[in-house]
Amino acid sequence: MMPLTMAKVGESNSIKRVGGQAKTRQFLENLGFVPGSHVTVLTRTGGNVIVSIKESRVAISREMASKIMV
């Protein structure tokens, strides 16, 4: 397992677990970041990570991406 911030751009990964406080986990789950989902890092810009998940593009902070283990 590794944090989403370490995943290669363009590579599809399966989410293993989502960490952080309950409020953060709930926010990420509402965006579709749940164990078993597939996520692809599209690009990294500044402190943000743009990912593709469930046929949507989502921008999250590097801090939040570090709580998502793939």
PDB file of N, CA and C in Angstrom:
ATOM      1  N   MET A   1       0.838  -1.189   0.000  1.00  0.00           N
ATOM      2  CA  MET A   1       0.000   0.000   0.000  1.00  0.00           C
ATOM      3  C   MET A   1       0.872   1.238   0.000  1.00  0.00           C
ATOM      4  N   MET A   2       0.349   2.265  -0.664  1.00  0.00           N
ATOM      5  CA  MET A   2       1.039   3.551  -0.690  1.00  0.00           C
ATOM      6  C   MET A   2      -0.005   4.652  -0.770  1.00  0.00           C
ATOM      7  N   PRO A   3       0.341   5.875  -0.345  1.00  0.00           N
ATOM      8  CA  PRO A   3      -0.623   6.969  -0.456  1.00  0.00           C
ATOM      9  C   PRO A   3      -0.840   7.346  -1.923  1.00  0.00           C
ATOM     10  N   LEU A   4      -1.991   7.903  -2.206  1.00  0.00           N
ATOM     11  CA  LEU A   4      -2.333   8.307  -3.570  1.00  0.00           C
ATOM     12  C   LEU A   4      -1.323   9.310  -4.129  1.00  0.00           C
ATOM     13  N   THR A   5      -0.684  10.071  -3.258  1.00  0.00           N
ATOM     14  CA  THR A   5       0.308  11.050  -3.709  1.00  0.00           C
ATOM     15  C   THR A   5       1.519  10.396  -4.362  1.00  0.00           C
ATOM     16  N   MET A   6       1.746   9.103  -4.083  1.00  0.00           N
ATOM     17  CA  MET A   6       2.889   8.387  -4.651  1.00  0.00           C
ATOM     18  C   MET A   6       2.551   7.645  -5.945  1.00  0.00           C
ATOM     19  N   ALA A   7       1.269   7.596  -6.303  1.00  0.00           N
ATOM     20  CA  ALA A   7       0.844   6.868  -7.504  1.00  0.00           C
ATOM     21  C   ALA A   7       1.335   7.586  -8.757  1.00  0.00           C
ATOM     22  N   LYS A   8       1.647   6.805  -9.788  1.00  0.00           N
ATOM     23  CA  LYS A   8       2.121   7.364 -11.048  1.00  0.00           C
ATOM     24  C   LYS A   8       0.963   7.986 -11.822  1.00  0.00           C
ATOM     25  N   VAL A   9       1.252   9.059 -12.532  1.00  0.00           N
ATOM     26  CA  VAL A   9       0.245   9.714 -13.370  1.00  0.00           C
ATOM     27  C   VAL A   9      -0.168   8.763 -14.488  1.00  0.00           C
ATOM     28  N   GLY A  10      -1.487   8.613 -14.677  1.00  0.00           N
ATOM     29  CA  GLY A  10      -2.010   7.769 -15.734  1.00  0.00           C
ATOM     30  C   GLY A  10      -2.218   6.320 -15.355  1.00  0.00           C
ATOM     31  N   GLU A  11      -1.789   5.918 -14.185  1.00  0.00           N
ATOM     32  CA  GLU A  11      -1.907   4.530 -13.742  1.00  0.00           C
ATOM     33  C   GLU A  11      -3.164   4.363 -12.895  1.00  0.00           C
ATOM     34  N   SER A  12      -3.978   3.355 -13.212  1.00  0.00           N
ATOM     35  CA  SER A  12      -5.199   3.078 -12.455  1.00  0.00           C
ATOM     36  C   SER A  12      -4.847   2.282 -11.199  1.00  0.00           C
ATOM     37  N   ASN A  13      -5.388   2.699 -10.072  1.00  0.00           N
ATOM     38  CA  ASN A  13      -5.139   2.041  -8.793  1.00  0.00           C
ATOM     39  C   ASN A  13      -6.458   1.779  -8.085  1.00  0.00           C
ATOM     40  N   SER A  14      -6.458   0.758  -7.256  1.00  0.00           N
ATOM     41  CA  SER A  14      -7.634   0.432  -6.451  1.00  0.00           C
ATOM     42  C   SER A  14      -7.437   1.003  -5.050  1.00  0.00           C
ATOM     43  N   ILE A  15      -8.457   1.642  -4.517  1.00  0.00           N
ATOM     44  CA  ILE A  15      -8.372   2.216  -3.173  1.00  0.00           C
ATOM     45  C   ILE A  15      -8.467   1.093  -2.145  1.00  0.00           C
ATOM     46  N   LYS A  16      -7.490   1.045  -1.250  1.00  0.00           N
ATOM     47  CA  LYS A  16      -7.454   0.026  -0.205  1.00  0.00           C
ATOM     48  C   LYS A  16      -8.134   0.509   1.073  1.00  0.00           C
ATOM     49  N   ARG A  17      -7.832   1.756   1.476  1.00  0.00           N
ATOM     50  CA  ARG A  17      -8.477   2.329   2.654  1.00  0.00           C
ATOM     51  C   ARG A  17      -8.354   3.844   2.617  1.00  0.00           C
ATOM     52  N   VAL A  18      -9.231   4.493   3.378  1.00  0.00           N
ATOM     53  CA  VAL A  18      -9.230   5.949   3.488  1.00  0.00           C
ATOM     54  C   VAL A  18      -9.033   6.282   4.959  1.00  0.00           C
ATOM     55  N   GLY A  19      -7.996   7.047   5.257  1.00  0.00           N
ATOM     56  CA  GLY A  19      -7.683   7.394   6.641  1.00  0.00           C
ATOM     57  C   GLY A  19      -8.108   8.804   6.985  1.00  0.00           C
ATOM     58  N   GLY A  20      -7.658   9.268   8.117  1.00  0.00           N
ATOM     59  CA  GLY A  20      -7.961  10.621   8.561  1.00  0.00           C
ATOM     60  C   GLY A  20      -9.085  10.644   9.576  1.00  0.00           C
ATOM     61  N   GLN A  21      -9.466  11.843   9.974  1.00  0.00           N
ATOM     62  CA  GLN A  21     -10.552  12.013  10.934  1.00  0.00           C
ATOM     63  C   GLN A  21     -11.880  11.647  10.282  1.00  0.00           C
ATOM     64  N   ALA A  22     -12.881  11.390  11.091  1.00  0.00           N
ATOM     65  CA  ALA A  22     -14.198  10.964  10.596  1.00  0.00           C
ATOM     66  C   ALA A  22     -14.775  11.966   9.591  1.00  0.00           C
ATOM     67  N   LYS A  23     -14.616  13.252   9.863  1.00  0.00           N
ATOM     68  CA  LYS A  23     -15.149  14.289   8.973  1.00  0.00           C
ATOM     69  C   LYS A  23     -14.460  14.240   7.609  1.00  0.00           C
ATOM     70  N   THR A  24     -13.160  14.053   7.602  1.00  0.00           N
ATOM     71  CA  THR A  24     -12.391  13.960   6.357  1.00  0.00           C
ATOM     72  C   THR A  24     -12.763  12.708   5.582  1.00  0.00           C
ATOM     73  N   ARG A  25     -12.865  11.576   6.276  1.00  0.00           N
ATOM     74  CA  ARG A  25     -13.254  10.318   5.618  1.00  0.00           C
ATOM     75  C   ARG A  25     -14.635  10.446   4.985  1.00  0.00           C
ATOM     76  N   GLN A  26     -15.581  11.059   5.707  1.00  0.00           N
ATOM     77  CA  GLN A  26     -16.939  11.228   5.189  1.00  0.00           C
ATOM     78  C   GLN A  26     -16.932  12.099   3.935  1.00  0.00           C
ATOM     79  N   PHE A  27     -16.155  13.169   3.953  1.00  0.00           N
ATOM     80  CA  PHE A  27     -16.051  14.059   2.792  1.00  0.00           C
ATOM     81  C   PHE A  27     -15.520  13.299   1.581  1.00  0.00           C
ATOM     82  N   LEU A  28     -14.458  12.531   1.777  1.00  0.00           N
ATOM     83  CA  LEU A  28     -13.866  11.764   0.685  1.00  0.00           C
ATOM     84  C   LEU A  28     -14.807  10.670   0.189  1.00  0.00           C
ATOM     85  N   GLU A  29     -15.514  10.024   1.106  1.00  0.00           N
ATOM     86  CA  GLU A  29     -16.481   8.991   0.704  1.00  0.00           C
ATOM     87  C   GLU A  29     -17.603   9.591  -0.130  1.00  0.00           C
ATOM     88  N   ASN A  30     -18.033  10.796   0.205  1.00  0.00           N
ATOM     89  CA  ASN A  30     -19.078  11.470  -0.575  1.00  0.00           C
ATOM     90  C   ASN A  30     -18.610  11.784  -1.990  1.00  0.00           C
ATOM     91  N   LEU A  31     -17.303  11.956  -2.171  1.00  0.00           N
ATOM     92  CA  LEU A  31     -16.746  12.197  -3.506  1.00  0.00           C
ATOM     93  C   LEU A  31     -16.524  10.895  -4.279  1.00  0.00           C
ATOM     94  N   GLY A  32     -16.671   9.754  -3.604  1.00  0.00           N
ATOM     95  CA  GLY A  32     -16.511   8.463  -4.263  1.00  0.00           C
ATOM     96  C   GLY A  32     -15.251   7.713  -3.888  1.00  0.00           C
ATOM     97  N   PHE A  33     -14.468   8.251  -2.963  1.00  0.00           N
ATOM     98  CA  PHE A  33     -13.231   7.602  -2.535  1.00  0.00           C
ATOM     99  C   PHE A  33     -13.552   6.565  -1.464  1.00  0.00           C
ATOM    100  N   VAL A  34     -13.972   5.384  -1.901  1.00  0.00           N
ATOM    101  CA  VAL A  34     -14.309   4.288  -0.992  1.00  0.00           C
ATOM    102  C   VAL A  34     -13.442   3.076  -1.349  1.00  0.00           C
ATOM    103  N   PRO A  35     -13.130   2.229  -0.370  1.00  0.00           N
ATOM    104  CA  PRO A  35     -12.326   1.037  -0.665  1.00  0.00           C
ATOM    105  C   PRO A  35     -12.955   0.202  -1.787  1.00  0.00           C
ATOM    106  N   GLY A  36     -12.104  -0.213  -2.714  1.00  0.00           N
ATOM    107  CA  GLY A  36     -12.553  -1.009  -3.853  1.00  0.00           C
ATOM    108  C   GLY A  36     -12.750  -0.198  -5.117  1.00  0.00           C
ATOM    109  N   SER A  37     -12.890   1.125  -4.991  1.00  0.00           N
ATOM    110  CA  SER A  37     -13.053   1.977  -6.167  1.00  0.00           C
ATOM    111  C   SER A  37     -11.723   2.129  -6.892  1.00  0.00           C
ATOM    112  N   HIS A  38     -11.800   2.368  -8.190  1.00  0.00           N
ATOM    113  CA  HIS A  38     -10.594   2.591  -8.982  1.00  0.00           C
ATOM    114  C   HIS A  38     -10.396   4.084  -9.181  1.00  0.00           C
ATOM    115  N   VAL A  39      -9.162   4.520  -9.024  1.00  0.00           N
ATOM    116  CA  VAL A  39      -8.818   5.933  -9.145  1.00  0.00           C
ATOM    117  C   VAL A  39      -7.568   6.059 -10.008  1.00  0.00           C
ATOM    118  N   THR A  40      -7.543   7.083 -10.861  1.00  0.00           N
ATOM    119  CA  THR A  40      -6.397   7.347 -11.719  1.00  0.00           C
ATOM    120  C   THR A  40      -5.940   8.785 -11.503  1.00  0.00           C
ATOM    121  N   VAL A  41      -4.659   8.977 -11.218  1.00  0.00           N
ATOM    122  CA  VAL A  41      -4.102  10.324 -11.091  1.00  0.00           C
ATOM    123  C   VAL A  41      -3.932  10.883 -12.494  1.00  0.00           C
ATOM    124  N   LEU A  42      -4.583  12.019 -12.766  1.00  0.00           N
ATOM    125  CA  LEU A  42      -4.480  12.644 -14.078  1.00  0.00           C
ATOM    126  C   LEU A  42      -3.324  13.632 -14.139  1.00  0.00           C
ATOM    127  N   THR A  43      -3.178  14.441 -13.107  1.00  0.00           N
ATOM    128  CA  THR A  43      -2.097  15.417 -13.071  1.00  0.00           C
ATOM    129  C   THR A  43      -1.882  15.921 -11.651  1.00  0.00           C
ATOM    130  N   ARG A  44      -0.721  16.484 -11.428  1.00  0.00           N
ATOM    131  CA  ARG A  44      -0.393  17.146 -10.158  1.00  0.00           C
ATOM    132  C   ARG A  44      -0.045  18.591 -10.484  1.00  0.00           C
ATOM    133  N   THR A  45      -0.742  19.524  -9.838  1.00  0.00           N
ATOM    134  CA  THR A  45      -0.469  20.935 -10.061  1.00  0.00           C
ATOM    135  C   THR A  45      -0.341  21.627  -8.716  1.00  0.00           C
ATOM    136  N   GLY A  46       0.805  22.193  -8.468  1.00  0.00           N
ATOM    137  CA  GLY A  46       1.036  22.864  -7.195  1.00  0.00           C
ATOM    138  C   GLY A  46       0.825  21.909  -6.043  1.00  0.00           C
ATOM    139  N   GLY A  47      -0.079  22.241  -5.141  1.00  0.00           N
ATOM    140  CA  GLY A  47      -0.372  21.388  -4.007  1.00  0.00           C
ATOM    141  C   GLY A  47      -1.585  20.507  -4.214  1.00  0.00           C
ATOM    142  N   ASN A  48      -2.150  20.498  -5.428  1.00  0.00           N
ATOM    143  CA  ASN A  48      -3.359  19.728  -5.692  1.00  0.00           C
ATOM    144  C   ASN A  48      -3.088  18.518  -6.568  1.00  0.00           C
ATOM    145  N   VAL A  49      -3.980  17.540  -6.466  1.00  0.00           N
ATOM    146  CA  VAL A  49      -3.918  16.341  -7.298  1.00  0.00           C
ATOM    147  C   VAL A  49      -5.263  16.230  -8.006  1.00  0.00           C
ATOM    148  N   ILE A  50      -5.238  16.102  -9.325  1.00  0.00           N
ATOM    149  CA  ILE A  50      -6.469  15.919 -10.085  1.00  0.00           C
ATOM    150  C   ILE A  50      -6.560  14.454 -10.452  1.00  0.00           C
ATOM    151  N   VAL A  51      -7.681  13.835 -10.056  1.00  0.00           N
ATOM    152  CA  VAL A  51      -7.863  12.404 -10.267  1.00  0.00           C
ATOM    153  C   VAL A  51      -9.161  12.138 -11.018  1.00  0.00           C
ATOM    154  N   SER A  52      -9.217  10.968 -11.605  1.00  0.00           N
ATOM    155  CA  SER A  52     -10.437  10.480 -12.242  1.00  0.00           C
ATOM    156  C   SER A  52     -10.970   9.354 -11.383  1.00  0.00           C
ATOM    157  N   ILE A  53     -12.216   9.501 -10.939  1.00  0.00           N
ATOM    158  CA  ILE A  53     -12.851   8.475 -10.115  1.00  0.00           C
ATOM    159  C   ILE A  53     -14.319   8.411 -10.472  1.00  0.00           C
ATOM    160  N   LYS A  54     -14.812   7.211 -10.727  1.00  0.00           N
ATOM    161  CA  LYS A  54     -16.219   6.998 -11.077  1.00  0.00           C
ATOM    162  C   LYS A  54     -16.673   7.924 -12.197  1.00  0.00           C
ATOM    163  N   GLU A  55     -15.890   7.983 -13.270  1.00  0.00           N
ATOM    164  CA  GLU A  55     -16.181   8.767 -14.470  1.00  0.00           C
ATOM    165  C   GLU A  55     -16.304  10.266 -14.199  1.00  0.00           C
ATOM    166  N   SER A  56     -15.650  10.753 -13.150  1.00  0.00           N
ATOM    167  CA  SER A  56     -15.621  12.173 -12.825  1.00  0.00           C
ATOM    168  C   SER A  56     -14.186  12.602 -12.571  1.00  0.00           C
ATOM    169  N   ARG A  57     -13.936  13.880 -12.765  1.00  0.00           N
ATOM    170  CA  ARG A  57     -12.626  14.442 -12.420  1.00  0.00           C
ATOM    171  C   ARG A  57     -12.778  15.239 -11.147  1.00  0.00           C
ATOM    172  N   VAL A  58     -11.884  14.988 -10.215  1.00  0.00           N
ATOM    173  CA  VAL A  58     -11.958  15.635  -8.907  1.00  0.00           C
ATOM    174  C   VAL A  58     -10.577  16.176  -8.558  1.00  0.00           C
ATOM    175  N   ALA A  59     -10.533  17.405  -8.047  1.00  0.00           N
ATOM    176  CA  ALA A  59      -9.277  17.990  -7.567  1.00  0.00           C
ATOM    177  C   ALA A  59      -9.299  17.951  -6.043  1.00  0.00           C
ATOM    178  N   ILE A  60      -8.267  17.356  -5.457  1.00  0.00           N
ATOM    179  CA  ILE A  60      -8.148  17.318  -4.003  1.00  0.00           C
ATOM    180  C   ILE A  60      -6.762  17.804  -3.614  1.00  0.00           C
ATOM    181  N   SER A  61      -6.644  18.251  -2.388  1.00  0.00           N
ATOM    182  CA  SER A  61      -5.351  18.742  -1.907  1.00  0.00           C
ATOM    183  C   SER A  61      -4.395  17.570  -1.703  1.00  0.00           C
ATOM    184  N   ARG A  62      -3.126  17.890  -1.698  1.00  0.00           N
ATOM    185  CA  ARG A  62      -2.096  16.857  -1.467  1.00  0.00           C
ATOM    186  C   ARG A  62      -2.299  16.228  -0.078  1.00  0.00           C
ATOM    187  N   GLU A  63      -2.719  17.034   0.883  1.00  0.00           N
ATOM    188  CA  GLU A  63      -2.957  16.540   2.246  1.00  0.00           C
ATOM    189  C   GLU A  63      -4.062  15.474   2.248  1.00  0.00           C
ATOM    190  N   MET A  64      -5.153  15.733   1.536  1.00  0.00           N
ATOM    191  CA  MET A  64      -6.244  14.752   1.473  1.00  0.00           C
ATOM    192  C   MET A  64      -5.822  13.520   0.678  1.00  0.00           C
ATOM    193  N   ALA A  65      -5.074  13.738  -0.399  1.00  0.00           N
ATOM    194  CA  ALA A  65      -4.621  12.610  -1.216  1.00  0.00           C
ATOM    195  C   ALA A  65      -3.698  11.691  -0.419  1.00  0.00           C
ATOM    196  N   SER A  66      -2.966  12.248   0.530  1.00  0.00           N
ATOM    197  CA  SER A  66      -2.052  11.429   1.339  1.00  0.00           C
ATOM    198  C   SER A  66      -2.813  10.510   2.295  1.00  0.00           C
ATOM    199  N   LYS A  67      -4.097  10.771   2.543  1.00  0.00           N
ATOM    200  CA  LYS A  67      -4.901   9.945   3.428  1.00  0.00           C
ATOM    201  C   LYS A  67      -5.562   8.789   2.682  1.00  0.00           C
ATOM    202  N   ILE A  68      -5.463   8.783   1.344  1.00  0.00           N
ATOM    203  CA  ILE A  68      -6.064   7.733   0.522  1.00  0.00           C
ATOM    204  C   ILE A  68      -4.972   6.731   0.168  1.00  0.00           C
ATOM    205  N   MET A  69      -5.147   5.496   0.637  1.00  0.00           N
ATOM    206  CA  MET A  69      -4.154   4.455   0.391  1.00  0.00           C
ATOM    207  C   MET A  69      -4.593   3.575  -0.774  1.00  0.00           C
ATOM    208  N   VAL A  70      -3.656   3.373  -1.718  1.00  0.00           N
ATOM    209  CA  VAL A  70      -3.939   2.540  -2.893  1.00  0.00           C
ATOM    210  C   VAL A  70      -2.972   1.368  -2.930  1.00  0.00           C
TER     211      VAL A  70
END
